[in-house]
Amino acid sequence: MAFVRAAKAGAVAPGSIAEFEVGGKTVALANVGGKFFAINSVCLHEGGPLGEGALNGNLVICPWHAWEYDVTNGKIVGSPDGTEGLACYPVEVRGEDVYVDVG
């Protein structure tokens, strides 16, 4: 798949995260210090909406049961072997728009 416009860059302020539908997938788009990261927005625990969670630095906290994920790599914080996590997607900022490749 190719890059698809996800949102206006201004729609996700620095230090925040929001949920968008991109190419048929629910994506959590985070703005960490002006840099955008995109991960699958569905928590591995019980499907909580990560895009509705709180962003603390580069960690998103699931609003349902407080599982934490690093938005820069999708990994679960505290995963025993460090490999469990969510899909991460490439992001490009083009002018005022943020594009994500969920392919």
N, C-alpha and C. Protein backbone atom coordinates (compact mmCIF):
# COMPACT_ATOMS: atom_id res chain seq x y z
N MET A 1 0.85 -1.18 0.00
CA MET A 1 0.00 0.00 0.00
C MET A 1 0.89 1.24 0.00
N ALA A 2 0.35 2.36 -0.30
CA ALA A 2 1.09 3.62 -0.37
C ALA A 2 0.70 4.52 0.80
N PHE A 3 1.39 5.63 0.90
CA PHE A 3 1.05 6.60 1.94
C PHE A 3 -0.34 7.17 1.67
N VAL A 4 -1.11 7.31 2.74
CA VAL A 4 -2.47 7.84 2.68
C VAL A 4 -2.55 9.00 3.67
N ARG A 5 -3.22 10.08 3.28
CA ARG A 5 -3.38 11.21 4.19
C ARG A 5 -4.18 10.77 5.41
N ALA A 6 -3.61 10.99 6.59
CA ALA A 6 -4.27 10.61 7.84
C ALA A 6 -4.95 11.79 8.51
N ALA A 7 -4.26 12.95 8.51
CA ALA A 7 -4.78 14.10 9.24
C ALA A 7 -3.99 15.35 8.88
N LYS A 8 -4.53 16.48 9.28
CA LYS A 8 -3.78 17.73 9.25
C LYS A 8 -2.80 17.67 10.42
N ALA A 9 -1.60 18.15 10.21
CA ALA A 9 -0.60 18.12 11.28
C ALA A 9 -1.10 18.86 12.52
N GLY A 10 -1.84 19.92 12.34
CA GLY A 10 -2.37 20.69 13.47
C GLY A 10 -3.43 19.97 14.27
N ALA A 11 -3.96 18.86 13.75
CA ALA A 11 -5.00 18.11 14.46
C ALA A 11 -4.45 17.31 15.64
N VAL A 12 -3.12 17.11 15.65
CA VAL A 12 -2.49 16.36 16.74
C VAL A 12 -1.37 17.24 17.30
N ALA A 13 -1.69 17.96 18.36
CA ALA A 13 -0.75 18.89 18.98
C ALA A 13 0.43 18.16 19.59
N PRO A 14 1.57 18.81 19.71
CA PRO A 14 2.70 18.17 20.40
C PRO A 14 2.28 17.68 21.79
N GLY A 15 2.70 16.47 22.10
CA GLY A 15 2.37 15.88 23.40
C GLY A 15 1.00 15.22 23.44
N SER A 16 0.40 15.01 22.27
CA SER A 16 -0.93 14.38 22.25
C SER A 16 -0.98 13.23 21.25
N ILE A 17 -2.07 12.50 21.33
CA ILE A 17 -2.29 11.34 20.46
C ILE A 17 -3.76 11.36 20.06
N ALA A 18 -4.05 10.88 18.87
CA ALA A 18 -5.44 10.83 18.39
C ALA A 18 -5.60 9.62 17.47
N GLU A 19 -6.84 9.23 17.30
CA GLU A 19 -7.16 8.04 16.51
C GLU A 19 -7.74 8.43 15.16
N PHE A 20 -7.28 7.74 14.12
CA PHE A 20 -7.74 7.99 12.76
C PHE A 20 -7.91 6.68 12.02
N GLU A 21 -8.83 6.66 11.05
CA GLU A 21 -8.96 5.52 10.14
C GLU A 21 -8.08 5.81 8.94
N VAL A 22 -7.16 4.89 8.66
CA VAL A 22 -6.23 5.06 7.55
C VAL A 22 -6.17 3.75 6.77
N GLY A 23 -6.59 3.78 5.54
CA GLY A 23 -6.52 2.58 4.71
C GLY A 23 -7.22 1.38 5.31
N GLY A 24 -8.34 1.62 6.00
CA GLY A 24 -9.11 0.54 6.60
C GLY A 24 -8.61 0.06 7.95
N LYS A 25 -7.60 0.72 8.50
CA LYS A 25 -7.06 0.35 9.81
C LYS A 25 -7.22 1.51 10.78
N THR A 26 -7.40 1.19 12.05
CA THR A 26 -7.47 2.21 13.08
C THR A 26 -6.06 2.47 13.58
N VAL A 27 -5.63 3.71 13.42
CA VAL A 27 -4.25 4.10 13.72
C VAL A 27 -4.24 5.16 14.81
N ALA A 28 -3.31 5.00 15.75
CA ALA A 28 -3.06 6.03 16.75
C ALA A 28 -1.89 6.86 16.25
N LEU A 29 -2.13 8.15 16.05
CA LEU A 29 -1.12 9.06 15.55
C LEU A 29 -0.68 9.95 16.70
N ALA A 30 0.62 9.84 17.06
CA ALA A 30 1.16 10.58 18.19
C ALA A 30 2.12 11.66 17.71
N ASN A 31 2.11 12.78 18.42
CA ASN A 31 3.03 13.88 18.14
C ASN A 31 3.95 14.00 19.36
N VAL A 32 5.18 13.53 19.20
CA VAL A 32 6.16 13.57 20.28
C VAL A 32 7.18 14.65 19.94
N GLY A 33 7.03 15.80 20.58
CA GLY A 33 7.97 16.91 20.34
C GLY A 33 8.02 17.37 18.91
N GLY A 34 6.92 17.30 18.20
CA GLY A 34 6.87 17.74 16.81
C GLY A 34 7.15 16.65 15.80
N LYS A 35 7.50 15.46 16.26
CA LYS A 35 7.72 14.32 15.36
C LYS A 35 6.53 13.37 15.48
N PHE A 36 6.02 12.91 14.35
CA PHE A 36 4.84 12.06 14.34
C PHE A 36 5.21 10.58 14.26
N PHE A 37 4.43 9.77 15.01
CA PHE A 37 4.57 8.32 15.02
C PHE A 37 3.18 7.71 14.88
N ALA A 38 3.09 6.59 14.17
CA ALA A 38 1.80 5.91 13.99
C ALA A 38 1.94 4.45 14.38
N ILE A 39 1.00 4.00 15.23
CA ILE A 39 0.93 2.59 15.62
C ILE A 39 -0.50 2.12 15.50
N ASN A 40 -0.67 0.80 15.47
CA ASN A 40 -2.01 0.23 15.52
C ASN A 40 -2.67 0.73 16.79
N SER A 41 -3.91 1.17 16.70
CA SER A 41 -4.57 1.79 17.85
C SER A 41 -5.31 0.81 18.75
N VAL A 42 -5.23 -0.48 18.46
CA VAL A 42 -6.00 -1.47 19.23
C VAL A 42 -5.08 -2.16 20.23
N CYS A 43 -5.32 -1.92 21.51
CA CYS A 43 -4.51 -2.51 22.58
C CYS A 43 -4.57 -4.03 22.52
N LEU A 44 -3.43 -4.67 22.73
CA LEU A 44 -3.36 -6.13 22.68
C LEU A 44 -4.07 -6.80 23.87
N HIS A 45 -4.30 -6.07 24.94
CA HIS A 45 -4.91 -6.65 26.12
C HIS A 45 -6.38 -6.99 25.88
N GLU A 46 -7.20 -5.97 25.70
CA GLU A 46 -8.63 -6.22 25.47
C GLU A 46 -9.21 -5.28 24.42
N GLY A 47 -8.35 -4.80 23.52
CA GLY A 47 -8.84 -4.01 22.40
C GLY A 47 -9.13 -2.55 22.70
N GLY A 48 -8.58 -2.03 23.78
CA GLY A 48 -8.81 -0.63 24.12
C GLY A 48 -8.31 0.31 23.03
N PRO A 49 -8.91 1.51 22.94
CA PRO A 49 -8.56 2.48 21.91
C PRO A 49 -7.36 3.34 22.31
N LEU A 50 -6.17 2.96 21.88
CA LEU A 50 -4.97 3.68 22.28
C LEU A 50 -4.97 5.14 21.85
N GLY A 51 -5.61 5.43 20.74
CA GLY A 51 -5.70 6.82 20.28
C GLY A 51 -6.50 7.70 21.20
N GLU A 52 -7.20 7.11 22.16
CA GLU A 52 -7.94 7.88 23.16
C GLU A 52 -7.20 7.89 24.50
N GLY A 53 -6.01 7.29 24.52
CA GLY A 53 -5.24 7.23 25.75
C GLY A 53 -4.45 8.51 26.00
N ALA A 54 -3.71 8.50 27.11
CA ALA A 54 -2.86 9.63 27.46
C ALA A 54 -1.46 9.38 26.92
N LEU A 55 -0.83 10.43 26.43
CA LEU A 55 0.54 10.34 25.94
C LEU A 55 1.44 10.99 26.97
N ASN A 56 2.42 10.23 27.45
CA ASN A 56 3.38 10.72 28.43
C ASN A 56 4.77 10.54 27.82
N GLY A 57 5.31 11.62 27.24
CA GLY A 57 6.56 11.49 26.50
C GLY A 57 6.31 10.66 25.26
N ASN A 58 7.00 9.52 25.13
CA ASN A 58 6.77 8.64 23.99
C ASN A 58 5.95 7.41 24.36
N LEU A 59 5.32 7.44 25.55
CA LEU A 59 4.50 6.31 25.98
C LEU A 59 3.02 6.67 25.94
N VAL A 60 2.23 5.78 25.33
CA VAL A 60 0.78 5.93 25.35
C VAL A 60 0.25 4.94 26.38
N ILE A 61 -0.72 5.41 27.17
CA ILE A 61 -1.32 4.59 28.21
C ILE A 61 -2.75 4.27 27.79
N CYS A 62 -3.05 2.98 27.68
CA CYS A 62 -4.39 2.57 27.26
C CYS A 62 -5.42 3.07 28.27
N PRO A 63 -6.49 3.69 27.79
CA PRO A 63 -7.50 4.23 28.71
C PRO A 63 -8.32 3.16 29.42
N TRP A 64 -8.28 1.93 28.96
CA TRP A 64 -9.09 0.89 29.59
C TRP A 64 -8.40 0.23 30.78
N HIS A 65 -7.15 -0.22 30.61
CA HIS A 65 -6.49 -0.97 31.69
C HIS A 65 -5.04 -0.57 31.90
N ALA A 66 -4.66 0.59 31.39
CA ALA A 66 -3.35 1.21 31.64
C ALA A 66 -2.14 0.44 31.10
N TRP A 67 -2.34 -0.40 30.09
CA TRP A 67 -1.17 -0.99 29.42
C TRP A 67 -0.43 0.14 28.73
N GLU A 68 0.89 0.08 28.72
CA GLU A 68 1.70 1.15 28.13
C GLU A 68 2.46 0.64 26.91
N TYR A 69 2.52 1.49 25.90
CA TYR A 69 3.24 1.18 24.66
C TYR A 69 4.14 2.35 24.29
N ASP A 70 5.30 2.04 23.75
CA ASP A 70 6.20 3.05 23.23
C ASP A 70 5.75 3.35 21.79
N VAL A 71 5.33 4.58 21.53
CA VAL A 71 4.82 4.92 20.20
C VAL A 71 5.91 4.95 19.14
N THR A 72 7.17 4.99 19.55
CA THR A 72 8.26 5.04 18.58
C THR A 72 8.56 3.67 17.98
N ASN A 73 8.15 2.60 18.67
CA ASN A 73 8.42 1.25 18.16
C ASN A 73 7.27 0.27 18.37
N GLY A 74 6.19 0.69 19.04
CA GLY A 74 5.03 -0.16 19.26
C GLY A 74 5.17 -1.18 20.37
N LYS A 75 6.31 -1.23 21.02
CA LYS A 75 6.56 -2.28 22.02
C LYS A 75 5.80 -2.02 23.33
N ILE A 76 5.36 -3.11 23.96
CA ILE A 76 4.72 -3.03 25.27
C ILE A 76 5.80 -2.73 26.30
N VAL A 77 5.56 -1.75 27.15
CA VAL A 77 6.49 -1.44 28.23
C VAL A 77 6.44 -2.59 29.23
N GLY A 78 7.61 -3.13 29.54
CA GLY A 78 7.68 -4.22 30.50
C GLY A 78 7.48 -5.59 29.91
N SER A 79 7.45 -5.70 28.58
CA SER A 79 7.32 -7.01 27.94
C SER A 79 8.52 -7.86 28.37
N PRO A 80 8.26 -9.09 28.83
CA PRO A 80 9.35 -9.92 29.35
C PRO A 80 10.52 -10.10 28.38
N ASP A 81 10.25 -10.30 27.11
CA ASP A 81 11.36 -10.51 26.18
C ASP A 81 11.60 -9.30 25.27
N GLY A 82 10.81 -8.23 25.47
CA GLY A 82 11.00 -7.01 24.70
C GLY A 82 10.54 -7.06 23.26
N THR A 83 9.84 -8.11 22.88
CA THR A 83 9.43 -8.23 21.48
C THR A 83 7.94 -8.03 21.26
N GLU A 84 7.14 -8.16 22.31
CA GLU A 84 5.69 -8.02 22.14
C GLU A 84 5.33 -6.57 21.84
N GLY A 85 4.44 -6.39 20.89
CA GLY A 85 4.02 -5.04 20.58
C GLY A 85 3.06 -4.96 19.42
N LEU A 86 2.83 -3.74 19.02
CA LEU A 86 1.88 -3.43 17.96
C LEU A 86 2.60 -3.06 16.68
N ALA A 87 1.88 -3.12 15.58
CA ALA A 87 2.43 -2.69 14.30
C ALA A 87 2.71 -1.19 14.35
N CYS A 88 3.84 -0.80 13.80
CA CYS A 88 4.21 0.60 13.61
C CYS A 88 4.15 0.88 12.11
N TYR A 89 3.78 2.10 11.78
CA TYR A 89 3.63 2.45 10.38
C TYR A 89 4.51 3.65 10.03
N PRO A 90 5.09 3.64 8.83
CA PRO A 90 5.87 4.80 8.38
C PRO A 90 5.00 6.05 8.28
N VAL A 91 5.58 7.19 8.63
CA VAL A 91 4.87 8.47 8.62
C VAL A 91 5.68 9.48 7.82
N GLU A 92 4.97 10.29 7.04
CA GLU A 92 5.59 11.42 6.34
C GLU A 92 4.72 12.66 6.56
N VAL A 93 5.39 13.78 6.79
CA VAL A 93 4.69 15.06 6.86
C VAL A 93 4.96 15.77 5.55
N ARG A 94 3.87 16.14 4.88
CA ARG A 94 3.95 16.84 3.60
C ARG A 94 3.18 18.14 3.74
N GLY A 95 3.91 19.23 3.88
CA GLY A 95 3.24 20.51 4.11
C GLY A 95 2.50 20.49 5.42
N GLU A 96 1.18 20.67 5.36
CA GLU A 96 0.34 20.70 6.54
C GLU A 96 -0.32 19.35 6.84
N ASP A 97 -0.01 18.34 6.04
CA ASP A 97 -0.68 17.04 6.17
C ASP A 97 0.27 15.96 6.65
N VAL A 98 -0.30 15.00 7.39
CA VAL A 98 0.45 13.82 7.85
C VAL A 98 -0.07 12.62 7.08
N TYR A 99 0.86 11.88 6.49
CA TYR A 99 0.54 10.69 5.71
C TYR A 99 1.11 9.46 6.42
N VAL A 100 0.34 8.37 6.34
CA VAL A 100 0.74 7.11 6.98
C VAL A 100 0.63 5.99 5.95
N ASP A 101 1.60 5.07 5.98
CA ASP A 101 1.58 3.89 5.11
C ASP A 101 1.27 2.68 5.97
N VAL A 102 0.02 2.19 5.90
CA VAL A 102 -0.40 1.04 6.72
C VAL A 102 -0.20 -0.28 5.98
N GLY A 103 0.39 -0.21 4.78
CA GLY A 103 0.56 -1.38 3.94
C GLY A 103 1.47 -2.38 4.54
